[in-house]
Amino acid sequence: MGEGRFRLLTEKDLLAAERAMERGRTLHLIREGAGRRESLRVLPAGSTAWEVPMLVRLTVEMDTVQSAQFFPSVAALRRRAGR
C-alpha cells in the first residue's frame, strides 16, 4: 500500500514499539494524515503458532481500503518496509 508499508509512523514510534516488545508490554499508536491512518500495535502472540511471545501488528487505512500485517519483531517490520 503506497510508498513502503507506512509513512506516518516515526522512528520514535518504532523505538517505543521495540521497548514494549522487550518488556512484554502492549502498545497502541495511531497516526493520521492526508487521508491515511496508520495503527501500530504490540500485543501478545496468543498462539504457539508464532515462535515469539509478542507480535507487531501494522494496520494501514486509506479511504475504504484497509491492510493489516503481523510481524514477529520491529526489525522484521523495518525490513519489510525498507527502513
PDB file of N, CA and C in Angstrom:
ATOM      1  N   MET A   1       0.848  -1.181   0.000  1.00  0.00           N
ATOM      2  CA  MET A   1       0.000   0.000   0.000  1.00  0.00           C
ATOM      3  C   MET A   1       0.882   1.229   0.000  1.00  0.00           C
ATOM      4  N   GLY A   2       0.900   1.918  -1.058  1.00  0.00           N
ATOM      5  CA  GLY A   2       1.643   3.168  -1.078  1.00  0.00           C
ATOM      6  C   GLY A   2       3.136   2.963  -1.042  1.00  0.00           C
ATOM      7  N   GLU A   3       3.822   4.006  -0.756  1.00  0.00           N
ATOM      8  CA  GLU A   3       5.273   4.044  -0.689  1.00  0.00           C
ATOM      9  C   GLU A   3       5.725   3.351   0.597  1.00  0.00           C
ATOM     10  N   GLY A   4       6.423   2.233   0.482  1.00  0.00           N
ATOM     11  CA  GLY A   4       6.790   1.463   1.660  1.00  0.00           C
ATOM     12  C   GLY A   4       5.544   0.899   2.314  1.00  0.00           C
ATOM     13  N   ARG A   5       5.636   0.511   3.534  1.00  0.00           N
ATOM     14  CA  ARG A   5       4.474  -0.017   4.248  1.00  0.00           C
ATOM     15  C   ARG A   5       3.793   1.055   5.082  1.00  0.00           C
ATOM     16  N   PHE A   6       4.571   2.039   5.496  1.00  0.00           N
ATOM     17  CA  PHE A   6       3.997   3.108   6.312  1.00  0.00           C
ATOM     18  C   PHE A   6       4.743   4.394   6.029  1.00  0.00           C
ATOM     19  N   ARG A   7       4.067   5.498   6.248  1.00  0.00           N
ATOM     20  CA  ARG A   7       4.673   6.811   6.020  1.00  0.00           C
ATOM     21  C   ARG A   7       4.537   7.734   7.209  1.00  0.00           C
ATOM     22  N   LEU A   8       3.538   7.508   8.035  1.00  0.00           N
ATOM     23  CA  LEU A   8       3.255   8.432   9.129  1.00  0.00           C
ATOM     24  C   LEU A   8       3.948   8.049  10.436  1.00  0.00           C
ATOM     25  N   LEU A   9       4.193   6.777  10.631  1.00  0.00           N
ATOM     26  CA  LEU A   9       4.872   6.337  11.851  1.00  0.00           C
ATOM     27  C   LEU A   9       6.325   6.778  11.808  1.00  0.00           C
ATOM     28  N   THR A  10       6.819   7.233  12.950  1.00  0.00           N
ATOM     29  CA  THR A  10       8.164   7.795  13.013  1.00  0.00           C
ATOM     30  C   THR A  10       9.169   6.803  13.608  1.00  0.00           C
ATOM     31  N   GLU A  11      10.425   7.166  13.533  1.00  0.00           N
ATOM     32  CA  GLU A  11      11.477   6.362  14.151  1.00  0.00           C
ATOM     33  C   GLU A  11      11.245   6.261  15.656  1.00  0.00           C
ATOM     34  N   LYS A  12      10.784   7.329  16.261  1.00  0.00           N
ATOM     35  CA  LYS A  12      10.473   7.329  17.699  1.00  0.00           C
ATOM     36  C   LYS A  12       9.362   6.316  18.005  1.00  0.00           C
ATOM     37  N   ASP A  13       8.372   6.227  17.142  1.00  0.00           N
ATOM     38  CA  ASP A  13       7.295   5.252  17.316  1.00  0.00           C
ATOM     39  C   ASP A  13       7.847   3.826  17.273  1.00  0.00           C
ATOM     40  N   LEU A  14       8.737   3.564  16.326  1.00  0.00           N
ATOM     41  CA  LEU A  14       9.314   2.233  16.188  1.00  0.00           C
ATOM     42  C   LEU A  14      10.181   1.874  17.393  1.00  0.00           C
ATOM     43  N   LEU A  15      10.902   2.846  17.912  1.00  0.00           N
ATOM     44  CA  LEU A  15      11.714   2.603  19.113  1.00  0.00           C
ATOM     45  C   LEU A  15      10.818   2.300  20.315  1.00  0.00           C
ATOM     46  N   ALA A  16       9.698   2.996  20.433  1.00  0.00           N
ATOM     47  CA  ALA A  16       8.749   2.732  21.520  1.00  0.00           C
ATOM     48  C   ALA A  16       8.181   1.319  21.392  1.00  0.00           C
ATOM     49  N   ALA A  17       7.917   0.878  20.169  1.00  0.00           N
ATOM     50  CA  ALA A  17       7.417  -0.479  19.942  1.00  0.00           C
ATOM     51  C   ALA A  17       8.471  -1.513  20.310  1.00  0.00           C
ATOM     52  N   GLU A  18       9.720  -1.251  19.973  1.00  0.00           N
ATOM     53  CA  GLU A  18      10.811  -2.170  20.346  1.00  0.00           C
ATOM     54  C   GLU A  18      10.915  -2.301  21.862  1.00  0.00           C
ATOM     55  N   ARG A  19      10.846  -1.183  22.565  1.00  0.00           N
ATOM     56  CA  ARG A  19      10.924  -1.214  24.027  1.00  0.00           C
ATOM     57  C   ARG A  19       9.751  -1.995  24.624  1.00  0.00           C
ATOM     58  N   ALA A  20       8.550  -1.778  24.084  1.00  0.00           N
ATOM     59  CA  ALA A  20       7.366  -2.505  24.580  1.00  0.00           C
ATOM     60  C   ALA A  20       7.544  -4.004  24.376  1.00  0.00           C
ATOM     61  N   MET A  21       8.051  -4.405  23.226  1.00  0.00           N
ATOM     62  CA  MET A  21       8.269  -5.837  22.970  1.00  0.00           C
ATOM     63  C   MET A  21       9.296  -6.420  23.929  1.00  0.00           C
ATOM     64  N   GLU A  22      10.375  -5.693  24.160  1.00  0.00           N
ATOM     65  CA  GLU A  22      11.416  -6.168  25.080  1.00  0.00           C
ATOM     66  C   GLU A  22      10.870  -6.371  26.489  1.00  0.00           C
ATOM     67  N   ARG A  23       9.938  -5.529  26.885  1.00  0.00           N
ATOM     68  CA  ARG A  23       9.383  -5.576  28.242  1.00  0.00           C
ATOM     69  C   ARG A  23       8.118  -6.430  28.337  1.00  0.00           C
ATOM     70  N   GLY A  24       7.649  -6.945  27.194  1.00  0.00           N
ATOM     71  CA  GLY A  24       6.437  -7.757  27.193  1.00  0.00           C
ATOM     72  C   GLY A  24       5.180  -6.962  27.481  1.00  0.00           C
ATOM     73  N   ARG A  25       5.176  -5.698  27.057  1.00  0.00           N
ATOM     74  CA  ARG A  25       4.033  -4.812  27.307  1.00  0.00           C
ATOM     75  C   ARG A  25       3.301  -4.500  26.012  1.00  0.00           C
ATOM     76  N   THR A  26       2.015  -4.249  26.133  1.00  0.00           N
ATOM     77  CA  THR A  26       1.231  -3.870  24.962  1.00  0.00           C
ATOM     78  C   THR A  26       1.417  -2.381  24.675  1.00  0.00           C
ATOM     79  N   LEU A  27       1.154  -2.027  23.423  1.00  0.00           N
ATOM     80  CA  LEU A  27       1.288  -0.640  22.987  1.00  0.00           C
ATOM     81  C   LEU A  27       0.360  -0.442  21.808  1.00  0.00           C
ATOM     82  N   HIS A  28      -0.244   0.731  21.705  1.00  0.00           N
ATOM     83  CA  HIS A  28      -1.089   1.060  20.552  1.00  0.00           C
ATOM     84  C   HIS A  28      -0.835   2.507  20.163  1.00  0.00           C
ATOM     85  N   LEU A  29      -0.324   2.703  18.950  1.00  0.00           N
ATOM     86  CA  LEU A  29      -0.062   4.039  18.418  1.00  0.00           C
ATOM     87  C   LEU A  29      -0.895   4.241  17.155  1.00  0.00           C
ATOM     88  N   ILE A  30      -1.450   5.425  16.999  1.00  0.00           N
ATOM     89  CA  ILE A  30      -2.224   5.760  15.793  1.00  0.00           C
ATOM     90  C   ILE A  30      -1.710   7.077  15.258  1.00  0.00           C
ATOM     91  N   ARG A  31      -1.446   7.113  13.969  1.00  0.00           N
ATOM     92  CA  ARG A  31      -1.033   8.345  13.295  1.00  0.00           C
ATOM     93  C   ARG A  31      -1.972   8.536  12.091  1.00  0.00           C
ATOM     94  N   GLU A  32      -2.421   9.788  11.907  1.00  0.00           N
ATOM     95  CA  GLU A  32      -3.346  10.090  10.819  1.00  0.00           C
ATOM     96  C   GLU A  32      -2.895  11.322  10.059  1.00  0.00           C
ATOM     97  N   GLY A  33      -3.158  11.331   8.764  1.00  0.00           N
ATOM     98  CA  GLY A  33      -2.851  12.494   7.951  1.00  0.00           C
ATOM     99  C   GLY A  33      -3.055  12.221   6.480  1.00  0.00           C
ATOM    100  N   ALA A  34      -3.472  13.214   5.748  1.00  0.00           N
ATOM    101  CA  ALA A  34      -3.633  13.152   4.292  1.00  0.00           C
ATOM    102  C   ALA A  34      -4.444  11.940   3.834  1.00  0.00           C
ATOM    103  N   GLY A  35      -5.585  11.707   4.487  1.00  0.00           N
ATOM    104  CA  GLY A  35      -6.463  10.608   4.074  1.00  0.00           C
ATOM    105  C   GLY A  35      -5.927   9.220   4.392  1.00  0.00           C
ATOM    106  N   ARG A  36      -4.989   9.146   5.307  1.00  0.00           N
ATOM    107  CA  ARG A  36      -4.334   7.873   5.639  1.00  0.00           C
ATOM    108  C   ARG A  36      -4.281   7.731   7.159  1.00  0.00           C
ATOM    109  N   ARG A  37      -4.484   6.530   7.630  1.00  0.00           N
ATOM    110  CA  ARG A  37      -4.399   6.240   9.067  1.00  0.00           C
ATOM    111  C   ARG A  37      -3.519   5.007   9.240  1.00  0.00           C
ATOM    112  N   GLU A  38      -2.541   5.122  10.127  1.00  0.00           N
ATOM    113  CA  GLU A  38      -1.638   4.011  10.411  1.00  0.00           C
ATOM    114  C   GLU A  38      -1.723   3.680  11.890  1.00  0.00           C
ATOM    115  N   SER A  39      -1.899   2.416  12.181  1.00  0.00           N
ATOM    116  CA  SER A  39      -2.012   1.943  13.552  1.00  0.00           C
ATOM    117  C   SER A  39      -0.943   0.878  13.776  1.00  0.00           C
ATOM    118  N   LEU A  40      -0.189   1.038  14.837  1.00  0.00           N
ATOM    119  CA  LEU A  40       0.850   0.084  15.196  1.00  0.00           C
ATOM    120  C   LEU A  40       0.521  -0.449  16.585  1.00  0.00           C
ATOM    121  N   ARG A  41       0.387  -1.757  16.688  1.00  0.00           N
ATOM    122  CA  ARG A  41       0.090  -2.392  17.975  1.00  0.00           C
ATOM    123  C   ARG A  41       1.158  -3.413  18.304  1.00  0.00           C
ATOM    124  N   VAL A  42       1.524  -3.462  19.558  1.00  0.00           N
ATOM    125  CA  VAL A  42       2.356  -4.533  20.091  1.00  0.00           C
ATOM    126  C   VAL A  42       1.419  -5.305  21.017  1.00  0.00           C
ATOM    127  N   LEU A  43       1.276  -6.603  20.772  1.00  0.00           N
ATOM    128  CA  LEU A  43       0.339  -7.398  21.532  1.00  0.00           C
ATOM    129  C   LEU A  43       0.863  -8.816  21.727  1.00  0.00           C
ATOM    130  N   PRO A  44       0.337  -9.539  22.719  1.00  0.00           N
ATOM    131  CA  PRO A  44       0.757 -10.921  22.919  1.00  0.00           C
ATOM    132  C   PRO A  44       0.412 -11.766  21.695  1.00  0.00           C
ATOM    133  N   ALA A  45       1.281 -12.706  21.365  1.00  0.00           N
ATOM    134  CA  ALA A  45       1.055 -13.554  20.191  1.00  0.00           C
ATOM    135  C   ALA A  45      -0.214 -14.379  20.359  1.00  0.00           C
ATOM    136  N   GLY A  46      -0.471 -14.854  21.562  1.00  0.00           N
ATOM    137  CA  GLY A  46      -1.727 -15.551  21.824  1.00  0.00           C
ATOM    138  C   GLY A  46      -1.822 -16.946  21.224  1.00  0.00           C
ATOM    139  N   SER A  47      -0.767 -17.426  20.610  1.00  0.00           N
ATOM    140  CA  SER A  47      -0.796 -18.740  19.989  1.00  0.00           C
ATOM    141  C   SER A  47       0.611 -19.298  19.918  1.00  0.00           C
ATOM    142  N   THR A  48       0.719 -20.601  20.030  1.00  0.00           N
ATOM    143  CA  THR A  48       2.031 -21.232  19.893  1.00  0.00           C
ATOM    144  C   THR A  48       2.444 -21.346  18.434  1.00  0.00           C
ATOM    145  N   ALA A  49       1.573 -20.956  17.518  1.00  0.00           N
ATOM    146  CA  ALA A  49       1.927 -20.963  16.098  1.00  0.00           C
ATOM    147  C   ALA A  49       3.054 -19.966  15.819  1.00  0.00           C
ATOM    148  N   TRP A  50       3.087 -18.908  16.606  1.00  0.00           N
ATOM    149  CA  TRP A  50       4.162 -17.933  16.486  1.00  0.00           C
ATOM    150  C   TRP A  50       5.296 -18.361  17.399  1.00  0.00           C
ATOM    151  N   GLU A  51       6.518 -18.162  16.981  1.00  0.00           N
ATOM    152  CA  GLU A  51       7.667 -18.558  17.784  1.00  0.00           C
ATOM    153  C   GLU A  51       8.138 -17.454  18.727  1.00  0.00           C
ATOM    154  N   VAL A  52       7.356 -16.403  18.835  1.00  0.00           N
ATOM    155  CA  VAL A  52       7.703 -15.273  19.698  1.00  0.00           C
ATOM    156  C   VAL A  52       6.520 -14.978  20.627  1.00  0.00           C
ATOM    157  N   PRO A  53       6.779 -14.401  21.806  1.00  0.00           N
ATOM    158  CA  PRO A  53       5.683 -14.117  22.735  1.00  0.00           C
ATOM    159  C   PRO A  53       4.858 -12.876  22.375  1.00  0.00           C
ATOM    160  N   MET A  54       5.494 -11.909  21.661  1.00  0.00           N
ATOM    161  CA  MET A  54       4.802 -10.671  21.308  1.00  0.00           C
ATOM    162  C   MET A  54       4.874 -10.469  19.796  1.00  0.00           C
ATOM    163  N   LEU A  55       3.851  -9.812  19.248  1.00  0.00           N
ATOM    164  CA  LEU A  55       3.791  -9.509  17.823  1.00  0.00           C
ATOM    165  C   LEU A  55       3.601  -8.018  17.594  1.00  0.00           C
ATOM    166  N   VAL A  56       3.976  -7.583  16.403  1.00  0.00           N
ATOM    167  CA  VAL A  56       3.715  -6.222  15.959  1.00  0.00           C
ATOM    168  C   VAL A  56       2.643  -6.320  14.875  1.00  0.00           C
ATOM    169  N   ARG A  57       1.566  -5.549  15.032  1.00  0.00           N
ATOM    170  CA  ARG A  57       0.513  -5.520  14.017  1.00  0.00           C
ATOM    171  C   ARG A  57       0.477  -4.118  13.413  1.00  0.00           C
ATOM    172  N   LEU A  58       0.657  -4.049  12.108  1.00  0.00           N
ATOM    173  CA  LEU A  58       0.587  -2.778  11.395  1.00  0.00           C
ATOM    174  C   LEU A  58      -0.699  -2.770  10.581  1.00  0.00           C
ATOM    175  N   THR A  59      -1.526  -1.755  10.800  1.00  0.00           N
ATOM    176  CA  THR A  59      -2.750  -1.580  10.021  1.00  0.00           C
ATOM    177  C   THR A  59      -2.665  -0.236   9.311  1.00  0.00           C
ATOM    178  N   VAL A  60      -2.888  -0.260   8.002  1.00  0.00           N
ATOM    179  CA  VAL A  60      -2.893   0.962   7.199  1.00  0.00           C
ATOM    180  C   VAL A  60      -4.269   1.085   6.558  1.00  0.00           C
ATOM    181  N   GLU A  61      -4.897   2.244   6.744  1.00  0.00           N
ATOM    182  CA  GLU A  61      -6.213   2.510   6.157  1.00  0.00           C
ATOM    183  C   GLU A  61      -6.133   3.728   5.262  1.00  0.00           C
ATOM    184  N   MET A  62      -6.652   3.577   4.046  1.00  0.00           N
ATOM    185  CA  MET A  62      -6.767   4.700   3.105  1.00  0.00           C
ATOM    186  C   MET A  62      -8.150   4.619   2.486  1.00  0.00           C
ATOM    187  N   ASP A  63      -8.932   5.657   2.684  1.00  0.00           N
ATOM    188  CA  ASP A  63     -10.310   5.676   2.204  1.00  0.00           C
ATOM    189  C   ASP A  63     -11.047   4.436   2.708  1.00  0.00           C
ATOM    190  N   THR A  64     -11.459   3.556   1.817  1.00  0.00           N
ATOM    191  CA  THR A  64     -12.210   2.368   2.223  1.00  0.00           C
ATOM    192  C   THR A  64     -11.358   1.098   2.196  1.00  0.00           C
ATOM    193  N   VAL A  65     -10.057   1.231   1.985  1.00  0.00           N
ATOM    194  CA  VAL A  65      -9.160   0.078   1.913  1.00  0.00           C
ATOM    195  C   VAL A  65      -8.372  -0.030   3.213  1.00  0.00           C
ATOM    196  N   GLN A  66      -8.334  -1.246   3.747  1.00  0.00           N
ATOM    197  CA  GLN A  66      -7.582  -1.478   4.976  1.00  0.00           C
ATOM    198  C   GLN A  66      -6.667  -2.678   4.775  1.00  0.00           C
ATOM    199  N   SER A  67      -5.435  -2.557   5.246  1.00  0.00           N
ATOM    200  CA  SER A  67      -4.455  -3.628   5.170  1.00  0.00           C
ATOM    201  C   SER A  67      -3.875  -3.851   6.552  1.00  0.00           C
ATOM    202  N   ALA A  68      -3.812  -5.105   6.988  1.00  0.00           N
ATOM    203  CA  ALA A  68      -3.225  -5.424   8.291  1.00  0.00           C
ATOM    204  C   ALA A  68      -2.195  -6.533   8.108  1.00  0.00           C
ATOM    205  N   GLN A  69      -1.048  -6.362   8.746  1.00  0.00           N
ATOM    206  CA  GLN A  69       0.018  -7.349   8.683  1.00  0.00           C
ATOM    207  C   GLN A  69       0.587  -7.560  10.069  1.00  0.00           C
ATOM    208  N   PHE A  70       1.004  -8.801  10.343  1.00  0.00           N
ATOM    209  CA  PHE A  70       1.636  -9.138  11.612  1.00  0.00           C
ATOM    210  C   PHE A  70       3.111  -9.420  11.374  1.00  0.00           C
ATOM    211  N   PHE A  71       3.942  -9.006  12.335  1.00  0.00           N
ATOM    212  CA  PHE A  71       5.388  -9.207  12.260  1.00  0.00           C
ATOM    213  C   PHE A  71       5.880  -9.748  13.593  1.00  0.00           C
ATOM    214  N   PRO A  72       6.887 -10.632  13.578  1.00  0.00           N
ATOM    215  CA  PRO A  72       7.407 -11.186  14.823  1.00  0.00           C
ATOM    216  C   PRO A  72       8.314 -10.216  15.587  1.00  0.00           C
ATOM    217  N   SER A  73       8.693  -9.113  14.927  1.00  0.00           N
ATOM    218  CA  SER A  73       9.559  -8.126  15.575  1.00  0.00           C
ATOM    219  C   SER A  73       9.481  -6.803  14.829  1.00  0.00           C
ATOM    220  N   VAL A  74       9.946  -5.750  15.473  1.00  0.00           N
ATOM    221  CA  VAL A  74      10.031  -4.443  14.813  1.00  0.00           C
ATOM    222  C   VAL A  74      11.079  -4.503  13.716  1.00  0.00           C
ATOM    223  N   ALA A  75      12.144  -5.273  13.941  1.00  0.00           N
ATOM    224  CA  ALA A  75      13.188  -5.433  12.916  1.00  0.00           C
ATOM    225  C   ALA A  75      12.596  -6.032  11.636  1.00  0.00           C
ATOM    226  N   ALA A  76      11.715  -7.006  11.767  1.00  0.00           N
ATOM    227  CA  ALA A  76      11.066  -7.612  10.596  1.00  0.00           C
ATOM    228  C   ALA A  76      10.164  -6.594   9.889  1.00  0.00           C
ATOM    229  N   LEU A  77       9.476  -5.771  10.662  1.00  0.00           N
ATOM    230  CA  LEU A  77       8.661  -4.694  10.082  1.00  0.00           C
ATOM    231  C   LEU A  77       9.532  -3.720   9.306  1.00  0.00           C
ATOM    232  N   ARG A  78      10.644  -3.346   9.885  1.00  0.00           N
ATOM    233  CA  ARG A  78      11.569  -2.417   9.225  1.00  0.00           C
ATOM    234  C   ARG A  78      12.088  -2.995   7.896  1.00  0.00           C
ATOM    235  N   ARG A  79      12.493  -4.275   7.933  1.00  0.00           N
ATOM    236  CA  ARG A  79      12.993  -4.916   6.706  1.00  0.00           C
ATOM    237  C   ARG A  79      11.935  -4.928   5.616  1.00  0.00           C
ATOM    238  N   ARG A  80      10.734  -5.290   5.986  1.00  0.00           N
ATOM    239  CA  ARG A  80       9.633  -5.381   5.012  1.00  0.00           C
ATOM    240  C   ARG A  80       9.305  -4.005   4.428  1.00  0.00           C
ATOM    241  N   ALA A  81       9.440  -2.979   5.256  1.00  0.00           N
ATOM    242  CA  ALA A  81       9.113  -1.627   4.817  1.00  0.00           C
ATOM    243  C   ALA A  81      10.294  -0.929   4.149  1.00  0.00           C
ATOM    244  N   GLY A  82      11.436  -1.572   4.168  1.00  0.00           N
ATOM    245  CA  GLY A  82      12.611  -0.971   3.544  1.00  0.00           C
ATOM    246  C   GLY A  82      13.201   0.165   4.346  1.00  0.00           C
ATOM    247  N   ARG A  83      13.089   0.092   5.670  1.00  0.00           N
ATOM    248  CA  ARG A  83      13.626   1.159   6.536  1.00  0.00           C
ATOM    249  C   ARG A  83      14.849   0.683   7.255  1.00  0.00           C
TER     250      ARG A  83
END
